[in-house]
């Protein structure tokens, strides 16, 4: 009986040692896998959050750029309309002054009589008296004034045209720069969106895998608790030790009684 109990205890110990070792190895392996997956999830999630913030900033910059371009388009259109109107007025005035200068120069020049007749005819005036003579001094003064006016008109027209050309050139340059900037930012948004979308998928995949591994770890821990309960001896309480000792003493007494009885029987048989 003692040998059988010893053999059973040895078998039980071997079983416990094996199961405890295997379970602890699996528990550590699963815990390590979960830690690695958690680190990857955290890293991917942080990178994704950073990219999303960058995309949001880029989208705000694109909106501001679009607004600025629209305002610039409106201003350029208003400036061009103002230039067109001013140019028409200056050209009209310049044409009138030059026409008047032409008439006056011809009148006070060699073809004065013909020019005067043409002017009177155009204005519906009666023919000049035969004794009419040219007022050369007054004519020269008027022509000089008109030449100054002509010069001012021409300068103003040239200034308007130069300013218009400069404004259009600046507008074209800024518009082209804005187009390039917009294209670059839109490409950034596209690629960063693709990147954080991929990272979000990585987070989802690892999260699903971690959930499965956690479930497996929970089962291992449950089994591990049962193995420990079975294989690891618990400290005895005072009452348990007392009962065990009393049982041992009772067993010894019983064995002693049996032994005494057997000895007495042997002695009687010898007599």
C-alpha atoms as a PDB file:
ATOM      1  CA  UNK A   1       0.000   0.000   0.000  1.00  0.00           C
ATOM      2  CA  UNK A   2       2.828   2.414   0.880  1.00  0.00           C
ATOM      3  CA  UNK A   3       4.632   1.601  -2.362  1.00  0.00           C
ATOM      4  CA  UNK A   4       1.438   2.199  -4.323  1.00  0.00           C
ATOM      5  CA  UNK A   5       0.928   5.531  -2.624  1.00  0.00           C
ATOM      6  CA  UNK A   6       4.548   6.504  -3.273  1.00  0.00           C
ATOM      7  CA  UNK A   7       4.224   5.570  -6.951  1.00  0.00           C
ATOM      8  CA  UNK A   8       0.976   7.532  -7.237  1.00  0.00           C
ATOM      9  CA  UNK A   9       2.580  10.561  -5.620  1.00  0.00           C
ATOM     10  CA  UNK A  10       5.557  10.380  -7.993  1.00  0.00           C
ATOM     11  CA  UNK A  11       3.242  10.164 -11.001  1.00  0.00           C
ATOM     12  CA  UNK A  12       1.211  13.084  -9.730  1.00  0.00           C
ATOM     13  CA  UNK A  13       4.368  15.154  -9.138  1.00  0.00           C
ATOM     14  CA  UNK A  14       5.648  14.447 -12.644  1.00  0.00           C
ATOM     15  CA  UNK A  15       2.287  15.395 -14.115  1.00  0.00           C
ATOM     16  CA  UNK A  16       2.151  18.598 -12.071  1.00  0.00           C
ATOM     17  CA  UNK A  17       5.697  19.593 -12.951  1.00  0.00           C
ATOM     18  CA  UNK A  18       5.050  19.058 -16.650  1.00  0.00           C
ATOM     19  CA  UNK A  19       1.712  20.878 -16.710  1.00  0.00           C
ATOM     20  CA  UNK A  20       2.975  23.771 -14.614  1.00  0.00           C
ATOM     21  CA  UNK A  21       6.002  24.236 -16.894  1.00  0.00           C
ATOM     22  CA  UNK A  22       3.939  24.054 -20.096  1.00  0.00           C
ATOM     23  CA  UNK A  23       1.259  26.368 -18.772  1.00  0.00           C
ATOM     24  CA  UNK A  24       3.719  28.947 -17.490  1.00  0.00           C
ATOM     25  CA  UNK A  25       5.583  28.907 -20.819  1.00  0.00           C
ATOM     26  CA  UNK A  26       2.331  29.396 -22.755  1.00  0.00           C
ATOM     27  CA  UNK A  27       1.190  32.117 -20.378  1.00  0.00           C
ATOM     28  CA  UNK A  28       4.461  34.023 -20.769  1.00  0.00           C
ATOM     29  CA  UNK A  29       4.426  33.541 -24.535  1.00  0.00           C
ATOM     30  CA  UNK A  30       0.879  34.898 -24.871  1.00  0.00           C
ATOM     31  CA  UNK A  31       1.579  37.798 -22.515  1.00  0.00           C
ATOM     32  CA  UNK A  32       4.657  38.706 -24.570  1.00  0.00           C
ATOM     33  CA  UNK A  33       2.636  38.545 -27.803  1.00  0.00           C
ATOM     34  CA  UNK A  34      -0.032  40.814 -26.330  1.00  0.00           C
ATOM     35  CA  UNK A  35       2.591  43.313 -25.156  1.00  0.00           C
ATOM     36  CA  UNK A  36       4.162  43.415 -28.639  1.00  0.00           C
ATOM     37  CA  UNK A  37       0.785  43.848 -30.326  1.00  0.00           C
ATOM     38  CA  UNK A  38      -0.161  46.600 -27.878  1.00  0.00           C
ATOM     39  CA  UNK A  39       3.078  48.430 -28.652  1.00  0.00           C
ATOM     40  CA  UNK A  40       2.404  48.171 -32.388  1.00  0.00           C
ATOM     41  CA  UNK A  41      -1.176  49.349 -31.927  1.00  0.00           C
ATOM     42  CA  UNK A  42      -0.093  52.330 -29.843  1.00  0.00           C
ATOM     43  CA  UNK A  43       2.614  53.273 -32.357  1.00  0.00           C
ATOM     44  CA  UNK A  44       0.281  53.004 -35.359  1.00  0.00           C
ATOM     45  CA  UNK A  45      -2.507  54.878 -33.565  1.00  0.00           C
ATOM     46  CA  UNK A  46      -0.146  57.720 -32.605  1.00  0.00           C
ATOM     47  CA  UNK A  47       1.185  57.974 -36.165  1.00  0.00           C
ATOM     48  CA  UNK A  48      -2.361  57.940 -37.546  1.00  0.00           C
ATOM     49  CA  UNK A  49      -3.454  60.696 -35.151  1.00  0.00           C
ATOM     50  CA  UNK A  50      -0.453  62.805 -36.189  1.00  0.00           C
ATOM     51  CA  UNK A  51      -1.226  62.361 -39.885  1.00  0.00           C
ATOM     52  CA  UNK A  52      -4.897  63.211 -39.342  1.00  0.00           C
ATOM     53  CA  UNK A  53      -3.879  66.442 -37.601  1.00  0.00           C
ATOM     54  CA  UNK A  54      -1.566  67.276 -40.515  1.00  0.00           C
ATOM     55  CA  UNK A  55      -4.336  66.587 -43.038  1.00  0.00           C
ATOM     56  CA  UNK A  56      -6.712  68.790 -41.084  1.00  0.00           C
ATOM     57  CA  UNK A  57      -4.153  71.612 -41.093  1.00  0.00           C
ATOM     58  CA  UNK A  58      -3.555  71.163 -44.837  1.00  0.00           C
ATOM     59  CA  UNK A  59      -7.285  71.276 -45.544  1.00  0.00           C
ATOM     60  CA  UNK A  60      -7.569  74.510 -43.555  1.00  0.00           C
ATOM     61  CA  UNK A  61      -4.661  75.964 -45.552  1.00  0.00           C
ATOM     62  CA  UNK A  62      -6.321  74.898 -48.816  1.00  0.00           C
ATOM     63  CA  UNK A  63      -9.576  76.561 -47.770  1.00  0.00           C
ATOM     64  CA  UNK A  64      -7.697  79.773 -46.909  1.00  0.00           C
ATOM     65  CA  UNK A  65      -5.839  79.604 -50.230  1.00  0.00           C
ATOM     66  CA  UNK A  66      -9.078  79.172 -52.165  1.00  0.00           C
ATOM     67  CA  UNK A  67     -10.618  82.119 -50.343  1.00  0.00           C
ATOM     68  CA  UNK A  68      -7.558  84.310 -50.981  1.00  0.00           C
ATOM     69  CA  UNK A  69      -7.564  83.396 -54.684  1.00  0.00           C
ATOM     70  CA  UNK A  70     -11.263  84.226 -54.974  1.00  0.00           C
ATOM     71  CA  UNK A  71     -10.687  87.630 -53.351  1.00  0.00           C
ATOM     72  CA  UNK A  72      -7.712  88.234 -55.646  1.00  0.00           C
ATOM     73  CA  UNK A  73      -9.817  87.291 -58.696  1.00  0.00           C
ATOM     74  CA  UNK A  74     -12.531  89.728 -57.653  1.00  0.00           C
ATOM     75  CA  UNK A  75     -10.044  92.561 -57.039  1.00  0.00           C
ATOM     76  CA  UNK A  76      -8.297  91.938 -60.372  1.00  0.00           C
ATOM     77  CA  UNK A  77     -11.616  92.026 -62.201  1.00  0.00           C
ATOM     78  CA  UNK A  78     -12.600  95.292 -60.500  1.00  0.00           C
ATOM     79  CA  UNK A  79      -9.198  96.830 -61.271  1.00  0.00           C
ATOM     80  CA  UNK A  80      -9.434  95.757 -64.918  1.00  0.00           C
ATOM     81  CA  UNK A  81     -12.919  97.197 -65.251  1.00  0.00           C
ATOM     82  CA  UNK A  82     -11.700 100.487 -63.751  1.00  0.00           C
ATOM     83  CA  UNK A  83      -8.741 100.492 -66.152  1.00  0.00           C
ATOM     84  CA  UNK A  84     -10.948  99.795 -69.158  1.00  0.00           C
ATOM     85  CA  UNK A  85     -13.201 102.704 -68.242  1.00  0.00           C
ATOM     86  CA  UNK A  86     -10.303 105.062 -67.532  1.00  0.00           C
ATOM     87  CA  UNK A  87      -8.546 104.060 -70.744  1.00  0.00           C
ATOM     88  CA  UNK A  88     -11.662 104.720 -72.797  1.00  0.00           C
ATOM     89  CA  UNK A  89     -12.045 108.174 -71.226  1.00  0.00           C
ATOM     90  CA  UNK A  90      -8.365 109.063 -71.732  1.00  0.00           C
ATOM     91  CA  UNK A  91      -8.345 107.825 -75.326  1.00  0.00           C
ATOM     92  CA  UNK A  92     -11.497 109.782 -76.043  1.00  0.00           C
ATOM     93  CA  UNK A  93     -10.023 112.934 -74.546  1.00  0.00           C
ATOM     94  CA  UNK A  94      -6.693 112.398 -76.294  1.00  0.00           C
ATOM     95  CA  UNK A  95      -8.423 111.893 -79.625  1.00  0.00           C
ATOM     96  CA  UNK A  96     -10.426 115.111 -79.161  1.00  0.00           C
ATOM     97  CA  UNK A  97      -7.366 117.156 -78.164  1.00  0.00           C
ATOM     98  CA  UNK A  98      -5.316 115.853 -81.082  1.00  0.00           C
ATOM     99  CA  UNK A  99      -8.125 116.580 -83.481  1.00  0.00           C
ATOM    100  CA  UNK A 100      -8.395 120.139 -82.158  1.00  0.00           C
ATOM    101  CA  UNK A 101      -4.620 120.555 -82.369  1.00  0.00           C
ATOM    102  CA  UNK A 102      -4.665 119.360 -85.940  1.00  0.00           C
ATOM    103  CA  UNK A 103      -7.287 121.879 -86.890  1.00  0.00           C
ATOM    104  CA  UNK A 104      -5.584 124.743 -85.078  1.00  0.00           C
ATOM    105  CA  UNK A 105      -2.148 123.965 -86.464  1.00  0.00           C
ATOM    106  CA  UNK A 106      -3.522 123.806 -89.956  1.00  0.00           C
ATOM    107  CA  UNK A 107      -5.463 127.012 -89.445  1.00  0.00           C
ATOM    108  CA  UNK A 108      -2.525 128.957 -88.112  1.00  0.00           C
ATOM    109  CA  UNK A 109      -0.198 127.387 -90.631  1.00  0.00           C
ATOM    110  CA  UNK A 110      -0.056 127.701 -94.411  1.00  0.00           C
ATOM    111  CA  UNK A 111      -3.510 126.269 -94.962  1.00  0.00           C
ATOM    112  CA  UNK A 112      -5.180 128.616 -92.514  1.00  0.00           C
ATOM    113  CA  UNK A 113      -7.969 129.847 -94.768  1.00  0.00           C
ATOM    114  CA  UNK A 114      -9.025 126.353 -95.772  1.00  0.00           C
ATOM    115  CA  UNK A 115      -8.847 125.148 -92.162  1.00  0.00           C
ATOM    116  CA  UNK A 116     -10.889 128.123 -90.960  1.00  0.00           C
ATOM    117  CA  UNK A 117     -13.483 127.461 -93.605  1.00  0.00           C
ATOM    118  CA  UNK A 118     -13.612 123.785 -92.631  1.00  0.00           C
ATOM    119  CA  UNK A 119     -13.933 124.700 -88.938  1.00  0.00           C
ATOM    120  CA  UNK A 120     -16.683 127.239 -89.626  1.00  0.00           C
ATOM    121  CA  UNK A 121     -18.501 124.784 -91.817  1.00  0.00           C
ATOM    122  CA  UNK A 122     -18.255 122.079 -89.178  1.00  0.00           C
ATOM    123  CA  UNK A 123     -19.531 124.424 -86.507  1.00  0.00           C
ATOM    124  CA  UNK A 124     -22.222 126.033 -88.727  1.00  0.00           C
ATOM    125  CA  UNK A 125     -20.684 129.500 -88.431  1.00  0.00           C
ATOM    126  CA  UNK A 126     -21.035 132.234 -91.088  1.00  0.00           C
ATOM    127  CA  UNK A 127     -18.122 132.921 -93.404  1.00  0.00           C
ATOM    128  CA  UNK A 128     -15.412 135.168 -92.015  1.00  0.00           C
ATOM    129  CA  UNK A 129     -15.304 138.771 -93.182  1.00  0.00           C
ATOM    130  CA  UNK A 130     -12.883 139.478 -95.960  1.00  0.00           C
ATOM    131  CA  UNK A 131     -10.817 141.671 -93.671  1.00  0.00           C
ATOM    132  CA  UNK A 132     -10.426 138.847 -91.053  1.00  0.00           C
ATOM    133  CA  UNK A 133      -6.803 138.162 -90.162  1.00  0.00           C
ATOM    134  CA  UNK A 134      -5.177 135.389 -88.106  1.00  0.00           C
ATOM    135  CA  UNK A 135      -4.467 136.095 -84.447  1.00  0.00           C
ATOM    136  CA  UNK A 136      -1.135 134.262 -84.458  1.00  0.00           C
ATOM    137  CA  UNK A 137      -0.208 135.030 -80.851  1.00  0.00           C
ATOM    138  CA  UNK A 138      -3.508 133.819 -79.451  1.00  0.00           C
ATOM    139  CA  UNK A 139      -3.407 130.729 -81.642  1.00  0.00           C
ATOM    140  CA  UNK A 140       0.055 129.827 -80.438  1.00  0.00           C
ATOM    141  CA  UNK A 141      -1.049 130.170 -76.826  1.00  0.00           C
ATOM    142  CA  UNK A 142      -4.083 127.942 -77.361  1.00  0.00           C
ATOM    143  CA  UNK A 143      -2.019 125.354 -79.196  1.00  0.00           C
ATOM    144  CA  UNK A 144       0.533 125.355 -76.355  1.00  0.00           C
ATOM    145  CA  UNK A 145      -2.206 124.777 -73.770  1.00  0.00           C
ATOM    146  CA  UNK A 146      -3.689 121.949 -75.817  1.00  0.00           C
ATOM    147  CA  UNK A 147      -0.257 120.376 -76.273  1.00  0.00           C
ATOM    148  CA  UNK A 148       0.165 120.343 -72.491  1.00  0.00           C
ATOM    149  CA  UNK A 149      -3.268 118.750 -72.168  1.00  0.00           C
ATOM    150  CA  UNK A 150      -2.338 116.236 -74.868  1.00  0.00           C
ATOM    151  CA  UNK A 151       0.875 115.389 -73.021  1.00  0.00           C
ATOM    152  CA  UNK A 152      -1.001 114.923 -69.737  1.00  0.00           C
ATOM    153  CA  UNK A 153      -3.572 112.679 -71.394  1.00  0.00           C
ATOM    154  CA  UNK A 154      -0.825 110.628 -73.058  1.00  0.00           C
ATOM    155  CA  UNK A 155       1.161 110.321 -69.815  1.00  0.00           C
ATOM    156  CA  UNK A 156      -1.924 109.348 -67.842  1.00  0.00           C
ATOM    157  CA  UNK A 157      -2.859 106.763 -70.470  1.00  0.00           C
ATOM    158  CA  UNK A 158       0.668 105.335 -70.459  1.00  0.00           C
ATOM    159  CA  UNK A 159       0.649 105.239 -66.633  1.00  0.00           C
ATOM    160  CA  UNK A 160      -2.704 103.469 -66.593  1.00  0.00           C
ATOM    161  CA  UNK A 161      -1.502 100.929 -69.144  1.00  0.00           C
ATOM    162  CA  UNK A 162       1.763 100.327 -67.250  1.00  0.00           C
ATOM    163  CA  UNK A 163      -0.060  99.905 -63.947  1.00  0.00           C
ATOM    164  CA  UNK A 164      -2.534  97.556 -65.602  1.00  0.00           C
ATOM    165  CA  UNK A 165       0.265  95.485 -67.123  1.00  0.00           C
ATOM    166  CA  UNK A 166       2.084  95.325 -63.763  1.00  0.00           C
ATOM    167  CA  UNK A 167      -1.094  94.395 -61.892  1.00  0.00           C
ATOM    168  CA  UNK A 168      -1.937  91.701 -64.441  1.00  0.00           C
ATOM    169  CA  UNK A 169       1.606  90.340 -64.310  1.00  0.00           C
ATOM    170  CA  UNK A 170       1.553  90.182 -60.500  1.00  0.00           C
ATOM    171  CA  UNK A 171      -1.877  88.564 -60.609  1.00  0.00           C
ATOM    172  CA  UNK A 172      -0.716  85.942 -63.110  1.00  0.00           C
ATOM    173  CA  UNK A 173       2.395  85.185 -61.032  1.00  0.00           C
ATOM    174  CA  UNK A 174       0.453  84.836 -57.776  1.00  0.00           C
ATOM    175  CA  UNK A 175      -2.237  82.765 -59.468  1.00  0.00           C
ATOM    176  CA  UNK A 176       0.371  80.386 -60.847  1.00  0.00           C
ATOM    177  CA  UNK A 177       2.071  80.124 -57.435  1.00  0.00           C
ATOM    178  CA  UNK A 178      -1.282  79.434 -55.803  1.00  0.00           C
ATOM    179  CA  UNK A 179      -2.006  76.688 -58.355  1.00  0.00           C
ATOM    180  CA  UNK A 180       1.323  75.020 -57.639  1.00  0.00           C
ATOM    181  CA  UNK A 181       0.837  75.361 -53.867  1.00  0.00           C
ATOM    182  CA  UNK A 182      -2.696  73.997 -54.120  1.00  0.00           C
ATOM    183  CA  UNK A 183      -1.538  71.013 -56.169  1.00  0.00           C
ATOM    184  CA  UNK A 184       1.248  70.196 -53.702  1.00  0.00           C
ATOM    185  CA  UNK A 185      -1.041  70.480 -50.676  1.00  0.00           C
ATOM    186  CA  UNK A 186      -3.740  68.372 -52.338  1.00  0.00           C
ATOM    187  CA  UNK A 187      -1.136  65.694 -53.069  1.00  0.00           C
ATOM    188  CA  UNK A 188      -0.021  65.834 -49.431  1.00  0.00           C
ATOM    189  CA  UNK A 189      -3.616  65.406 -48.301  1.00  0.00           C
ATOM    190  CA  UNK A 190      -4.066  62.466 -50.671  1.00  0.00           C
ATOM    191  CA  UNK A 191      -0.932  60.584 -49.610  1.00  0.00           C
ATOM    192  CA  UNK A 192      -1.296  61.332 -45.888  1.00  0.00           C
ATOM    193  CA  UNK A 193      -4.933  60.195 -46.029  1.00  0.00           C
ATOM    194  CA  UNK A 194      -3.862  56.958 -47.687  1.00  0.00           C
ATOM    195  CA  UNK A 195      -1.156  56.525 -45.036  1.00  0.00           C
ATOM    196  CA  UNK A 196      -3.386  57.042 -42.005  1.00  0.00           C
ATOM    197  CA  UNK A 197      -6.073  54.861 -43.580  1.00  0.00           C
ATOM    198  CA  UNK A 198      -3.506  52.067 -43.810  1.00  0.00           C
ATOM    199  CA  UNK A 199      -2.423  52.686 -40.221  1.00  0.00           C
ATOM    200  CA  UNK A 200      -6.042  52.551 -39.043  1.00  0.00           C
ATOM    201  CA  UNK A 201      -6.391  49.178 -40.778  1.00  0.00           C
ATOM    202  CA  UNK A 202      -3.224  48.004 -39.031  1.00  0.00           C
ATOM    203  CA  UNK A 203      -4.672  49.098 -35.677  1.00  0.00           C
ATOM    204  CA  UNK A 204      -7.926  47.267 -36.418  1.00  0.00           C
ATOM    205  CA  UNK A 205      -6.107  44.084 -37.490  1.00  0.00           C
ATOM    206  CA  UNK A 206      -3.804  44.019 -34.463  1.00  0.00           C
ATOM    207  CA  UNK A 207      -6.701  44.858 -32.150  1.00  0.00           C
ATOM    208  CA  UNK A 208      -8.668  41.875 -33.450  1.00  0.00           C
ATOM    209  CA  UNK A 209      -5.627  39.628 -33.109  1.00  0.00           C
ATOM    210  CA  UNK A 210      -4.970  40.925 -29.604  1.00  0.00           C
ATOM    211  CA  UNK A 211      -8.563  40.256 -28.604  1.00  0.00           C
ATOM    212  CA  UNK A 212      -8.227  36.652 -29.786  1.00  0.00           C
ATOM    213  CA  UNK A 213      -4.906  36.271 -27.953  1.00  0.00           C
ATOM    214  CA  UNK A 214      -6.429  37.767 -24.792  1.00  0.00           C
ATOM    215  CA  UNK A 215      -9.211  35.190 -24.940  1.00  0.00           C
ATOM    216  CA  UNK A 216      -6.613  32.428 -25.292  1.00  0.00           C
ATOM    217  CA  UNK A 217      -4.617  33.858 -22.394  1.00  0.00           C
ATOM    218  CA  UNK A 218      -7.746  33.958 -20.222  1.00  0.00           C
ATOM    219  CA  UNK A 219      -8.308  30.252 -20.886  1.00  0.00           C
ATOM    220  CA  UNK A 220      -4.661  29.476 -20.082  1.00  0.00           C
ATOM    221  CA  UNK A 221      -4.845  31.488 -16.854  1.00  0.00           C
ATOM    222  CA  UNK A 222      -8.010  29.650 -15.846  1.00  0.00           C
ATOM    223  CA  UNK A 223      -6.306  26.301 -16.436  1.00  0.00           C
ATOM    224  CA  UNK A 224      -3.189  27.556 -14.663  1.00  0.00           C
ATOM    225  CA  UNK A 225      -5.244  28.425 -11.586  1.00  0.00           C
ATOM    226  CA  UNK A 226      -6.713  24.923 -11.522  1.00  0.00           C
ATOM    227  CA  UNK A 227      -3.279  23.306 -11.881  1.00  0.00           C
ATOM    228  CA  UNK A 228      -1.874  25.413  -9.044  1.00  0.00           C
ATOM    229  CA  UNK A 229      -4.808  24.515  -6.857  1.00  0.00           C
ATOM    230  CA  UNK A 230      -4.200  20.854  -7.571  1.00  0.00           C
ATOM    231  CA  UNK A 231      -0.428  20.764  -7.512  1.00  0.00           C
ATOM    232  CA  UNK A 232       0.720  23.386  -5.034  1.00  0.00           C
ATOM    233  CA  UNK A 233       0.266  22.347  -1.399  1.00  0.00           C
ATOM    234  CA  UNK A 234      -1.551  24.872   0.685  1.00  0.00           C
ATOM    235  CA  UNK A 235      -0.296  25.766   4.190  1.00  0.00           C
ATOM    236  CA  UNK A 236      -2.253  23.817   6.805  1.00  0.00           C
ATOM    237  CA  UNK A 237      -4.211  25.655   9.441  1.00  0.00           C
ATOM    238  CA  UNK A 238      -3.846  24.768  13.135  1.00  0.00           C
ATOM    239  CA  UNK A 239      -7.108  22.825  13.092  1.00  0.00           C
ATOM    240  CA  UNK A 240      -6.028  20.865  10.008  1.00  0.00           C
ATOM    241  CA  UNK A 241      -2.647  20.027  11.584  1.00  0.00           C
ATOM    242  CA  UNK A 242      -4.373  18.977  14.814  1.00  0.00           C
ATOM    243  CA  UNK A 243      -6.802  16.679  12.986  1.00  0.00           C
ATOM    244  CA  UNK A 244      -3.962  15.170  10.932  1.00  0.00           C
ATOM    245  CA  UNK A 245      -1.896  14.481  14.050  1.00  0.00           C
ATOM    246  CA  UNK A 246      -4.848  12.974  15.866  1.00  0.00           C
ATOM    247  CA  UNK A 247      -5.503  10.759  12.874  1.00  0.00           C
ATOM    248  CA  UNK A 248      -1.855   9.711  12.774  1.00  0.00           C
ATOM    249  CA  UNK A 249      -1.877   8.944  16.511  1.00  0.00           C
ATOM    250  CA  UNK A 250      -5.094   6.984  16.159  1.00  0.00           C
ATOM    251  CA  UNK A 251      -3.593   5.039  13.310  1.00  0.00           C
ATOM    252  CA  UNK A 252      -0.460   4.292  15.320  1.00  0.00           C
ATOM    253  CA  UNK A 253      -2.543   3.174  18.289  1.00  0.00           C
ATOM    254  CA  UNK A 254      -4.586   0.929  16.029  1.00  0.00           C
ATOM    255  CA  UNK A 255      -1.429  -0.516  14.527  1.00  0.00           C
ATOM    256  CA  UNK A 256       0.053  -1.030  18.000  1.00  0.00           C
ATOM    257  CA  UNK A 257      -3.090  -2.781  19.180  1.00  0.00           C
ATOM    258  CA  UNK A 258      -3.028  -5.072  16.175  1.00  0.00           C
ATOM    259  CA  UNK A 259       0.637  -5.767  16.746  1.00  0.00           C
ATOM    260  CA  UNK A 260       0.056  -6.564  20.450  1.00  0.00           C
ATOM    261  CA  UNK A 261      -2.794  -8.872  19.577  1.00  0.00           C
ATOM    262  CA  UNK A 262      -0.716 -10.706  17.031  1.00  0.00           C
ATOM    263  CA  UNK A 263       2.165 -11.029  19.517  1.00  0.00           C
ATOM    264  CA  UNK A 264      -0.129 -12.404  22.214  1.00  0.00           C
ATOM    265  CA  UNK A 265      -1.581 -14.895  19.764  1.00  0.00           C
ATOM    266  CA  UNK A 266       1.843 -16.102  18.749  1.00  0.00           C
ATOM    267  CA  UNK A 267       2.851 -16.555  22.379  1.00  0.00           C
ATOM    268  CA  UNK A 268      -0.280 -18.576  23.166  1.00  0.00           C
ATOM    269  CA  UNK A 269       0.361 -20.849  20.225  1.00  0.00           C
ATOM    270  CA  UNK A 270       3.887 -21.561  21.423  1.00  0.00           C
ATOM    271  CA  UNK A 271       2.624 -22.680  24.841  1.00  0.00           C
END
